[in-house]
Structure formats: structure tokens, C-alpha cells
Amino acid sequence: MGSYILPRSFSKPVALLALTAALCACGYDAHVQAASSTGAQSPLIVAIPPRSGPSTGQRVLPVPPILAATVSQLVRNFNGKVGVAVRSVDDGWMIDAGGSQRLPQQSVSKLWVAMTVLSARDAGKLRLDDPITLTRDDITLFHQPIAGLIRSGTGYRTTVGELLQRALTMSDNTANDRLLRLVGGPSAVRNFITRKGLGAIGFGPGERMLQAGTAGLTWQPSYAFNDGFNRARNALPRAERLAAFNRYVASPPDGAAPAAIAGALARLKRGGLLSAESTSYLIGTMQSSHTGKMRLRGAVPTGWSFGHKTGTGQDFAGRTAGYNDVGLLIAPDGRTYAIAVMIGDTLRPIPARQALMQAVVSSVVATHASTASATTRRTNGARSHG
């Protein structure tokens, strides 16, 4: 594993590692299930897929066993509802540790809006330099820096491209919801997800109604101004807020499986979702994101590239309804890993959530370094006997 040292709590040998390694050594495909130590989430699955991908024709290599065991243990030791998926874009394998459960996406769902917009661009239905004027009627809630640029009477004149940049790099809710209306609303995004066969990825009703429902409210335009949403939410009885929060966490309308998201990101990188130009544009925009510097990005080494989208839900009584980061991790040699870490419900503080995400990235980086070293040794050995 190179110079990577696991945190003390993860350094003990685990039976899962030995079992997985033994199965790999014998050439078997393995599906290893380990029970959750907290009882708060579904069992963890570490899947070693078959050696060929019948749906894509891609050759699929075995999962690195140490990485599989490490990711599984990281998830088991985290007190909360969490799912992690790591897919090698080049080798096809995927590690799924609780990654088949549908967890709240929150602003991760801005990715599917962006893809729907770029798909419409590929079809000639719009251009990135098309003009759009935002008015006060477009203002939503929570994080929306662009709202400060909207003036009464004149609004704010912008373009499709600027809204995309703001939605993806700043996670601006007003920019995203305006793009959502531009492409035809939630049904258009859902149709894109279905048409592309992205699997267990849901899409909610838009930022306003999603956040209002999570809080136990029904959206009203007055909530967008003068702290109206927070005042209305704070006025609700605690029992109503808790019931609404629990309903959302149990069955989020924007719920998605981390494994499906990692798969979609891998297909994006391989050029299977958008045109080459739109693929390059989207990944480049993700790489310039300003959000979540201490999430997955916090462990990305110098020389690596990382494009991602974060998502953060509402907090209530010390719990959080979605704390996520998903993205494409690209090594200096160009090999790429799609990673999705999603925390659906936890009492763990933010530094602990960030530490989990960074540990996943560090494990992937260490595995890549170990694999590259082994490949170099084999190549050098072959040359010395050539």
C-alpha cells in the first residue's frame, strides 16, 4: 500500500480482507457481505464483478482486495447511514460498501440538471451563450449568491453558461432551478436519467419544494425573502419538524444509490453520456468547483486532478439529512476513479464526516500507487529477461 498508513482504528487485520484476497487468488468472483456493526444501515457489500462487462463490452478486472476491505471497514466503523462506491473507469471493477441504498442527494442532483442542459445543447436545442434574465420570481432559498445580483425592475442578465458555472462550482440554488425550468422541469431530468439508463438515481421536485417538504412546510413565494423560510420553519412545532425530517431521510424523493452515481460518472468520463465537447466542458467545470474543500478534495495529492459535486442537507437536532461528495479522481498517468461518498443520516460532527471521505480517497490513491509500482516491477523484470 505504499506509504499510506491507516488510522489506528482501521489498522487491525480483518477477516474480510483475508477472505476476499483468497477468493481473488483462486480466480473466483466474490460477493462478500459483512454485517453492519451499528445496526443503523443495510449490510455492506464488497462486490468483485465478473471479468467482462456484458453491457459495455469492457474488460472488468478483479477488485483490489485490500482497497475493498479498507473501504468496507471505513463504512462499518462510521456511526450513521452511509454508502460508498468506488469504480475504476479503466478496469471496470467497483467497490460497493452500502452503496446500493438510496440516500439523499441534495445538491449532488445539480449534476443531472447540468447533464440534461448539455444534452439539449448537443441536440442543438440551446447554446451556452443563450441569454437569460433572472427576476425576483426566480429566487429560491439557502445558498444562492446570484440572488444579490438581481435588481427590482431590471433583474439580472446572464447566459446559460454562466448559470451552469454558478450551479456547479458554487452550488447556487437559484442558478440551478432556473436551468431546471429552462430544460422542462423535473420530468425532463428524470427522462434524461431513464433514457441514459443511469439506474437508481432519483430526482426531486426542485429546490423550493424539496427543502420545504423536508422542513414540514409547503412552499410559499414569501419564503424567498426577508428570511421567510427560516422564520416559518422555526415556528413549526418540534414534533412536526421531526416527523417531516424522518420522512425525508427514510424515503428521499431525490434519493440515489452511490453505486449508480459512480457508474454514471464513469460513463461520463468514457464519453457515454454526452458529446466529447460537452463531456470535456462538464468535467472541466467540476474540476473548478469551489465547494467542499475538506471533503473528498481534502485528500487529493499534488499532481492529481479532481472534479466533483457536493451536496448538503438540512440539520435538525444534531442530525444531517445528506452530507455528500461525488466526483472523478484522475491520477497523473490518466487513470481515473469515480467515487461517491454519501452520508444519509448521522450525528457525527462535520470533521468526522470529512475524515471518512478523505480516508476513502487516500485508500484509492495508495492502491493506485501500489498497482503502478507492481506494474513497473513486472515490466522491468520482463525487460531484464528479454
Protein backbone atom coordinates (compact mmCIF):
# COMPACT_ATOMS: atom_id res chain seq x y z
CA MET A 1 0.00 0.00 0.00
CA GLY A 2 2.95 2.36 -0.48
CA SER A 3 3.38 4.93 2.25
CA TYR A 4 -0.31 5.00 3.20
CA ILE A 5 -0.95 4.31 6.88
CA LEU A 6 -4.46 3.53 8.01
CA PRO A 7 -5.84 5.39 11.02
CA ARG A 8 -5.27 3.43 14.24
CA SER A 9 -8.89 2.29 14.44
CA PHE A 10 -8.61 0.69 10.98
CA SER A 11 -5.17 -0.90 11.26
CA LYS A 12 -6.16 -4.34 12.61
CA PRO A 13 -6.38 -7.20 10.13
CA VAL A 14 -9.93 -8.09 9.19
CA ALA A 15 -11.36 -11.43 8.16
CA LEU A 16 -12.99 -9.81 5.14
CA LEU A 17 -9.58 -8.93 3.71
CA ALA A 18 -8.28 -12.48 4.05
CA LEU A 19 -11.42 -13.99 2.55
CA THR A 20 -11.52 -11.58 -0.38
CA ALA A 21 -7.82 -11.97 -1.10
CA ALA A 22 -8.09 -15.75 -1.01
CA LEU A 23 -11.00 -15.73 -3.44
CA CYS A 24 -9.14 -13.40 -5.79
CA ALA A 25 -6.02 -15.55 -5.67
CA CYS A 26 -8.09 -18.55 -6.69
CA GLY A 27 -9.59 -16.65 -9.63
CA TYR A 28 -13.14 -16.62 -8.27
CA ASP A 29 -15.62 -13.75 -8.46
CA ALA A 30 -16.64 -12.80 -4.95
CA HIS A 31 -19.64 -11.18 -3.33
CA VAL A 32 -18.72 -10.75 0.32
CA GLN A 33 -21.28 -9.49 2.81
CA ALA A 34 -20.37 -8.11 6.22
CA ALA A 35 -22.99 -7.23 8.82
CA SER A 36 -23.13 -3.63 10.00
CA SER A 37 -21.67 -3.14 13.45
CA THR A 38 -24.06 -0.28 14.20
CA GLY A 39 -27.28 -1.88 13.01
CA ALA A 40 -28.21 1.55 11.61
CA GLN A 41 -27.78 0.73 7.95
CA SER A 42 -28.06 -2.04 5.41
CA PRO A 43 -25.34 -4.67 5.15
CA LEU A 44 -22.18 -3.69 3.38
CA ILE A 45 -21.43 -5.30 0.07
CA VAL A 46 -17.98 -5.59 -1.43
CA ALA A 47 -18.52 -6.86 -4.95
CA ILE A 48 -15.87 -8.32 -7.23
CA PRO A 49 -17.57 -8.29 -10.64
CA PRO A 50 -17.14 -10.78 -13.47
CA ARG A 51 -14.11 -10.36 -15.70
CA SER A 52 -16.08 -8.94 -18.58
CA GLY A 53 -18.80 -6.33 -18.80
CA PRO A 54 -21.62 -7.77 -20.92
CA SER A 55 -23.49 -4.45 -21.12
CA THR A 56 -20.49 -2.36 -22.18
CA GLY A 57 -18.04 -4.84 -23.66
CA GLN A 58 -15.42 -3.51 -21.25
CA ARG A 59 -12.97 -5.97 -19.75
CA VAL A 60 -13.50 -5.94 -15.98
CA LEU A 61 -10.57 -6.76 -13.73
CA PRO A 62 -10.87 -8.01 -10.13
CA VAL A 63 -11.35 -5.54 -7.31
CA PRO A 64 -8.14 -4.76 -5.39
CA PRO A 65 -8.80 -6.80 -2.21
CA ILE A 66 -7.03 -4.51 0.26
CA LEU A 67 -8.93 -1.49 -1.02
CA ALA A 68 -12.21 -3.41 -0.82
CA ALA A 69 -11.56 -4.43 2.77
CA THR A 70 -10.42 -0.94 3.77
CA VAL A 71 -13.47 0.80 2.32
CA SER A 72 -15.78 -1.76 3.90
CA GLN A 73 -14.20 -1.26 7.30
CA LEU A 74 -14.33 2.54 6.99
CA VAL A 75 -18.07 2.34 6.41
CA ARG A 76 -18.65 -0.21 9.18
CA ASN A 77 -16.82 1.97 11.70
CA PHE A 78 -18.79 5.10 10.83
CA ASN A 79 -21.81 5.63 13.05
CA GLY A 80 -24.52 6.63 10.63
CA LYS A 81 -26.35 5.78 7.44
CA VAL A 82 -23.65 5.88 4.80
CA GLY A 83 -22.81 4.44 1.40
CA VAL A 84 -19.56 4.42 -0.54
CA ALA A 85 -18.88 3.36 -4.11
CA VAL A 86 -15.58 3.40 -5.98
CA ARG A 87 -15.40 2.44 -9.67
CA SER A 88 -12.29 2.15 -11.79
CA VAL A 89 -13.10 3.82 -15.10
CA ASP A 90 -10.24 1.97 -16.81
CA ASP A 91 -10.51 -1.50 -15.26
CA GLY A 92 -14.27 -1.66 -14.71
CA TRP A 93 -14.31 -3.01 -11.15
CA MET A 94 -16.46 -1.41 -8.49
CA ILE A 95 -16.42 -1.46 -4.69
CA ASP A 96 -19.86 -1.03 -3.16
CA ALA A 97 -19.98 -0.59 0.62
CA GLY A 98 -23.58 0.21 1.48
CA GLY A 99 -23.72 1.85 -1.93
CA SER A 100 -26.91 0.23 -3.17
CA GLN A 101 -29.21 2.10 -0.78
CA ARG A 102 -30.93 5.30 -1.94
CA LEU A 103 -29.57 8.22 0.06
CA PRO A 104 -30.44 11.95 -0.09
CA GLN A 105 -28.52 13.65 -2.88
CA GLN A 106 -29.25 17.28 -2.09
CA SER A 107 -27.06 19.39 -4.42
CA VAL A 108 -25.40 16.35 -5.99
CA SER A 109 -28.57 16.35 -8.12
CA LYS A 110 -27.31 19.51 -9.84
CA LEU A 111 -25.16 17.14 -11.90
CA TRP A 112 -28.23 15.66 -13.61
CA VAL A 113 -29.62 19.12 -14.34
CA ALA A 114 -26.28 20.08 -15.91
CA MET A 115 -26.21 16.90 -17.99
CA THR A 116 -29.77 17.49 -19.18
CA VAL A 117 -28.83 21.04 -20.21
CA LEU A 118 -25.71 19.85 -22.05
CA SER A 119 -27.66 17.04 -23.72
CA ALA A 120 -30.09 19.68 -25.05
CA ARG A 121 -27.06 21.64 -26.25
CA ASP A 122 -25.74 18.54 -28.05
CA ALA A 123 -29.14 18.21 -29.74
CA GLY A 124 -28.97 21.82 -30.96
CA LYS A 125 -31.83 22.98 -28.73
CA LEU A 126 -29.82 25.62 -26.87
CA ARG A 127 -26.38 27.21 -26.67
CA LEU A 128 -24.26 28.14 -23.67
CA ASP A 129 -24.24 31.79 -24.76
CA ASP A 130 -28.05 31.99 -24.96
CA PRO A 131 -29.19 34.99 -22.89
CA ILE A 132 -31.39 34.60 -19.80
CA THR A 133 -32.76 37.27 -17.49
CA LEU A 134 -33.34 36.35 -13.86
CA THR A 135 -36.02 38.18 -11.89
CA ARG A 136 -37.03 38.22 -8.24
CA ASP A 137 -39.51 35.44 -9.05
CA ASP A 138 -36.52 33.13 -9.68
CA ILE A 139 -35.06 33.49 -6.18
CA THR A 140 -35.19 30.27 -4.16
CA LEU A 141 -33.58 29.69 -0.74
CA PHE A 142 -30.39 28.78 1.09
CA HIS A 143 -27.14 29.17 -0.88
CA GLN A 144 -27.74 31.45 -3.88
CA PRO A 145 -25.03 34.10 -4.40
CA ILE A 146 -26.60 35.16 -7.69
CA ALA A 147 -29.68 36.45 -5.82
CA GLY A 148 -27.67 39.50 -4.75
CA LEU A 149 -27.25 40.49 -8.41
CA ILE A 150 -30.97 40.51 -9.20
CA ARG A 151 -32.39 44.03 -9.17
CA SER A 152 -36.06 45.01 -8.98
CA GLY A 153 -37.33 46.03 -12.39
CA THR A 154 -34.24 45.10 -14.43
CA GLY A 155 -33.43 41.68 -12.99
CA TYR A 156 -30.05 40.17 -13.87
CA ARG A 157 -29.00 39.45 -17.44
CA THR A 158 -26.86 36.35 -17.77
CA THR A 159 -26.34 33.30 -20.00
CA VAL A 160 -26.96 29.57 -19.85
CA GLY A 161 -23.21 29.02 -19.49
CA GLU A 162 -22.87 31.37 -16.53
CA LEU A 163 -25.79 29.70 -14.76
CA LEU A 164 -24.15 26.30 -15.33
CA GLN A 165 -20.86 27.53 -13.92
CA ARG A 166 -22.56 29.01 -10.85
CA ALA A 167 -24.72 25.93 -10.25
CA LEU A 168 -21.80 23.51 -10.42
CA THR A 169 -18.91 25.47 -8.92
CA MET A 170 -20.81 27.49 -6.29
CA SER A 171 -23.82 25.18 -5.85
CA ASP A 172 -26.09 28.17 -6.46
CA ASN A 173 -29.71 27.09 -5.98
CA THR A 174 -31.29 29.94 -7.94
CA ALA A 175 -29.00 29.33 -10.92
CA ASN A 176 -29.77 25.61 -10.85
CA ASP A 177 -33.54 25.97 -10.54
CA ARG A 178 -33.61 28.45 -13.44
CA LEU A 179 -31.76 25.90 -15.60
CA LEU A 180 -34.18 23.24 -14.43
CA ARG A 181 -37.13 25.29 -15.69
CA LEU A 182 -35.28 26.04 -18.92
CA VAL A 183 -34.99 22.36 -19.86
CA GLY A 184 -38.56 21.46 -18.96
CA GLY A 185 -38.62 20.87 -15.20
CA PRO A 186 -38.03 17.74 -13.11
CA SER A 187 -39.71 15.45 -15.65
CA ALA A 188 -37.09 16.38 -18.28
CA VAL A 189 -34.25 15.47 -15.92
CA ARG A 190 -35.94 12.22 -14.95
CA ASN A 191 -36.38 11.41 -18.65
CA PHE A 192 -32.65 12.01 -19.23
CA ILE A 193 -31.77 9.67 -16.35
CA THR A 194 -34.11 6.99 -17.71
CA ARG A 195 -33.07 7.43 -21.34
CA LYS A 196 -29.41 7.04 -20.45
CA GLY A 197 -30.08 4.04 -18.20
CA LEU A 198 -28.37 5.54 -15.15
CA GLY A 199 -30.17 3.25 -12.72
CA ALA A 200 -31.09 4.02 -9.12
CA ILE A 201 -30.91 7.80 -9.35
CA GLY A 202 -33.99 9.79 -8.40
CA PHE A 203 -34.69 13.46 -8.96
CA GLY A 204 -36.78 15.60 -6.64
CA PRO A 205 -39.31 18.38 -7.29
CA GLY A 206 -36.82 21.25 -7.34
CA GLU A 207 -35.06 23.09 -4.54
CA ARG A 208 -38.02 25.05 -3.21
CA MET A 209 -40.45 22.18 -2.73
CA LEU A 210 -37.75 19.69 -1.69
CA GLN A 211 -36.43 21.85 1.14
CA ALA A 212 -39.90 22.98 2.21
CA GLY A 213 -41.09 19.39 2.43
CA THR A 214 -38.01 18.32 4.39
CA ALA A 215 -38.79 21.03 6.95
CA GLY A 216 -42.51 20.18 7.16
CA LEU A 217 -43.65 23.21 5.13
CA THR A 218 -45.45 23.84 1.86
CA TRP A 219 -43.53 26.31 -0.30
CA GLN A 220 -44.77 29.89 -0.49
CA PRO A 221 -43.13 32.70 -2.52
CA SER A 222 -42.78 34.81 0.63
CA TYR A 223 -40.26 32.29 1.97
CA ALA A 224 -37.67 33.58 -0.54
CA PHE A 225 -37.39 37.00 1.11
CA ASN A 226 -36.56 38.52 4.48
CA ASP A 227 -35.56 35.17 5.99
CA GLY A 228 -39.13 33.99 5.48
CA PHE A 229 -38.27 30.31 5.15
CA ASN A 230 -36.27 30.12 8.35
CA ARG A 231 -38.90 32.05 10.30
CA ALA A 232 -41.68 29.75 9.09
CA ARG A 233 -39.59 26.65 9.81
CA ASN A 234 -38.71 27.84 13.30
CA ALA A 235 -42.38 28.49 14.06
CA LEU A 236 -43.34 24.85 13.47
CA PRO A 237 -43.81 22.56 16.48
CA ARG A 238 -40.78 20.39 17.04
CA ALA A 239 -42.79 17.20 16.56
CA GLU A 240 -43.90 18.31 13.08
CA ARG A 241 -40.36 19.15 12.03
CA LEU A 242 -39.03 15.87 13.34
CA ALA A 243 -41.73 13.86 11.57
CA ALA A 244 -41.02 15.62 8.27
CA PHE A 245 -37.27 15.19 8.69
CA ASN A 246 -37.68 11.47 9.40
CA ARG A 247 -39.95 11.01 6.37
CA TYR A 248 -37.38 12.62 4.13
CA VAL A 249 -34.44 10.61 5.47
CA ALA A 250 -36.40 7.35 5.23
CA SER A 251 -37.56 7.93 1.64
CA PRO A 252 -35.90 10.92 -0.01
CA PRO A 253 -37.56 12.00 -3.28
CA ASP A 254 -34.08 12.88 -4.51
CA GLY A 255 -32.61 9.61 -3.27
CA ALA A 256 -29.88 7.89 -5.26
CA ALA A 257 -27.56 4.93 -4.80
CA PRO A 258 -23.86 5.84 -4.57
CA ALA A 259 -23.11 2.84 -6.79
CA ALA A 260 -25.38 4.23 -9.51
CA ILE A 261 -23.77 7.67 -9.25
CA ALA A 262 -20.26 6.21 -9.50
CA GLY A 263 -21.38 4.24 -12.53
CA ALA A 264 -22.84 7.34 -14.17
CA LEU A 265 -19.65 9.34 -13.56
CA ALA A 266 -17.58 6.53 -15.08
CA ARG A 267 -19.79 6.55 -18.17
CA LEU A 268 -19.45 10.32 -18.38
CA LYS A 269 -15.65 10.05 -18.33
CA ARG A 270 -15.72 7.38 -21.04
CA GLY A 271 -17.86 9.64 -23.24
CA GLY A 272 -21.00 7.55 -22.96
CA LEU A 273 -23.45 10.28 -21.87
CA LEU A 274 -22.63 13.49 -23.76
CA SER A 275 -20.71 14.67 -26.80
CA ALA A 276 -16.94 14.92 -26.48
CA GLU A 277 -17.17 18.72 -26.26
CA SER A 278 -19.87 18.69 -23.58
CA THR A 279 -18.10 15.93 -21.64
CA SER A 280 -14.89 17.98 -21.55
CA TYR A 281 -16.83 21.10 -20.55
CA LEU A 282 -18.66 19.39 -17.70
CA ILE A 283 -15.62 17.63 -16.23
CA GLY A 284 -13.56 20.82 -16.51
CA THR A 285 -16.28 22.77 -14.72
CA MET A 286 -16.46 20.16 -11.97
CA GLN A 287 -12.70 20.45 -11.53
CA SER A 288 -13.05 24.20 -10.88
CA SER A 289 -15.62 23.74 -8.09
CA HIS A 290 -15.21 25.96 -5.04
CA THR A 291 -17.23 23.82 -2.62
CA GLY A 292 -16.24 21.04 -0.20
CA LYS A 293 -12.52 21.72 0.05
CA MET A 294 -12.21 19.43 3.09
CA ARG A 295 -14.39 16.62 1.78
CA LEU A 296 -13.01 14.28 -0.89
CA ARG A 297 -10.80 17.05 -2.26
CA GLY A 298 -9.04 17.36 1.10
CA ALA A 299 -7.03 14.16 0.42
CA VAL A 300 -6.29 14.62 -3.29
CA PRO A 301 -2.47 14.67 -3.73
CA THR A 302 -0.50 17.17 -5.75
CA GLY A 303 -0.40 16.13 -9.40
CA TRP A 304 -3.84 14.50 -9.34
CA SER A 305 -6.98 16.09 -10.83
CA PHE A 306 -10.37 16.03 -9.17
CA GLY A 307 -13.76 17.17 -10.42
CA HIS A 308 -16.74 16.82 -8.11
CA LYS A 309 -20.13 17.93 -6.83
CA THR A 310 -21.04 18.24 -3.17
CA GLY A 311 -24.45 18.05 -1.52
CA THR A 312 -25.52 19.18 1.95
CA GLY A 313 -28.94 18.84 3.53
CA GLN A 314 -30.70 20.49 6.42
CA ASP A 315 -29.66 19.83 10.01
CA PHE A 316 -32.11 19.09 12.78
CA ALA A 317 -31.41 18.14 16.37
CA GLY A 318 -27.78 17.41 15.57
CA ARG A 319 -28.64 15.16 12.62
CA THR A 320 -28.00 15.92 8.98
CA ALA A 321 -30.16 14.98 6.00
CA GLY A 322 -27.43 14.39 3.44
CA TYR A 323 -23.72 15.18 3.50
CA ASN A 324 -22.17 14.10 0.22
CA ASP A 325 -19.36 14.38 -2.26
CA VAL A 326 -19.08 12.59 -5.60
CA GLY A 327 -16.52 13.01 -8.34
CA LEU A 328 -13.84 11.85 -10.75
CA LEU A 329 -10.33 11.34 -9.35
CA ILE A 330 -7.70 11.35 -12.11
CA ALA A 331 -4.14 10.13 -11.48
CA PRO A 332 -1.10 11.75 -13.10
CA ASP A 333 -0.94 8.82 -15.53
CA GLY A 334 -4.55 9.48 -16.59
CA ARG A 335 -6.18 6.51 -14.87
CA THR A 336 -9.49 7.57 -13.36
CA TYR A 337 -11.67 6.55 -10.42
CA ALA A 338 -15.30 7.53 -9.93
CA ILE A 339 -16.01 7.98 -6.21
CA ALA A 340 -19.29 8.59 -4.39
CA VAL A 341 -19.45 9.02 -0.61
CA MET A 342 -22.94 9.78 0.71
CA ILE A 343 -23.97 10.18 4.34
CA GLY A 344 -27.75 9.97 4.66
CA ASP A 345 -28.25 10.45 8.39
CA THR A 346 -25.73 10.81 11.19
CA LEU A 347 -24.97 12.50 14.49
CA ARG A 348 -21.24 12.51 13.73
CA PRO A 349 -19.71 16.01 13.57
CA ILE A 350 -18.53 17.54 10.29
CA PRO A 351 -14.82 16.77 10.86
CA ALA A 352 -15.66 13.07 11.26
CA ARG A 353 -17.66 13.09 8.02
CA GLN A 354 -14.80 14.79 6.20
CA ALA A 355 -12.30 12.32 7.68
CA LEU A 356 -14.32 9.41 6.26
CA MET A 357 -14.33 10.98 2.80
CA GLN A 358 -10.63 11.75 2.88
CA ALA A 359 -9.80 8.22 4.07
CA VAL A 360 -11.61 6.78 1.02
CA VAL A 361 -9.59 8.99 -1.34
CA SER A 362 -6.32 8.18 0.46
CA SER A 363 -7.07 4.47 0.14
CA VAL A 364 -7.72 4.77 -3.60
CA VAL A 365 -4.54 6.79 -4.10
CA ALA A 366 -2.47 4.28 -2.12
CA THR A 367 -3.93 1.37 -4.10
CA HIS A 368 -3.16 3.14 -7.37
CA ALA A 369 0.44 3.74 -6.27
CA SER A 370 0.82 0.11 -5.22
CA THR A 371 -0.62 -1.15 -8.52
CA ALA A 372 1.60 1.19 -10.54
CA SER A 373 4.69 0.02 -8.63
CA ALA A 374 3.82 -3.63 -9.22
CA THR A 375 3.30 -2.96 -12.93
CA THR A 376 6.68 -1.22 -13.15
CA ARG A 377 8.41 -4.12 -11.39
CA ARG A 378 6.84 -6.63 -13.78
CA THR A 379 7.80 -4.53 -16.80
CA ASN A 380 11.38 -4.11 -15.60
CA GLY A 381 11.62 -7.82 -14.83
CA ALA A 382 10.41 -8.72 -18.32
CA ARG A 383 12.97 -6.38 -19.88
CA SER A 384 15.81 -7.84 -17.84
CA HIS A 385 14.95 -11.31 -19.19
CA GLY A 386 14.23 -10.15 -22.71
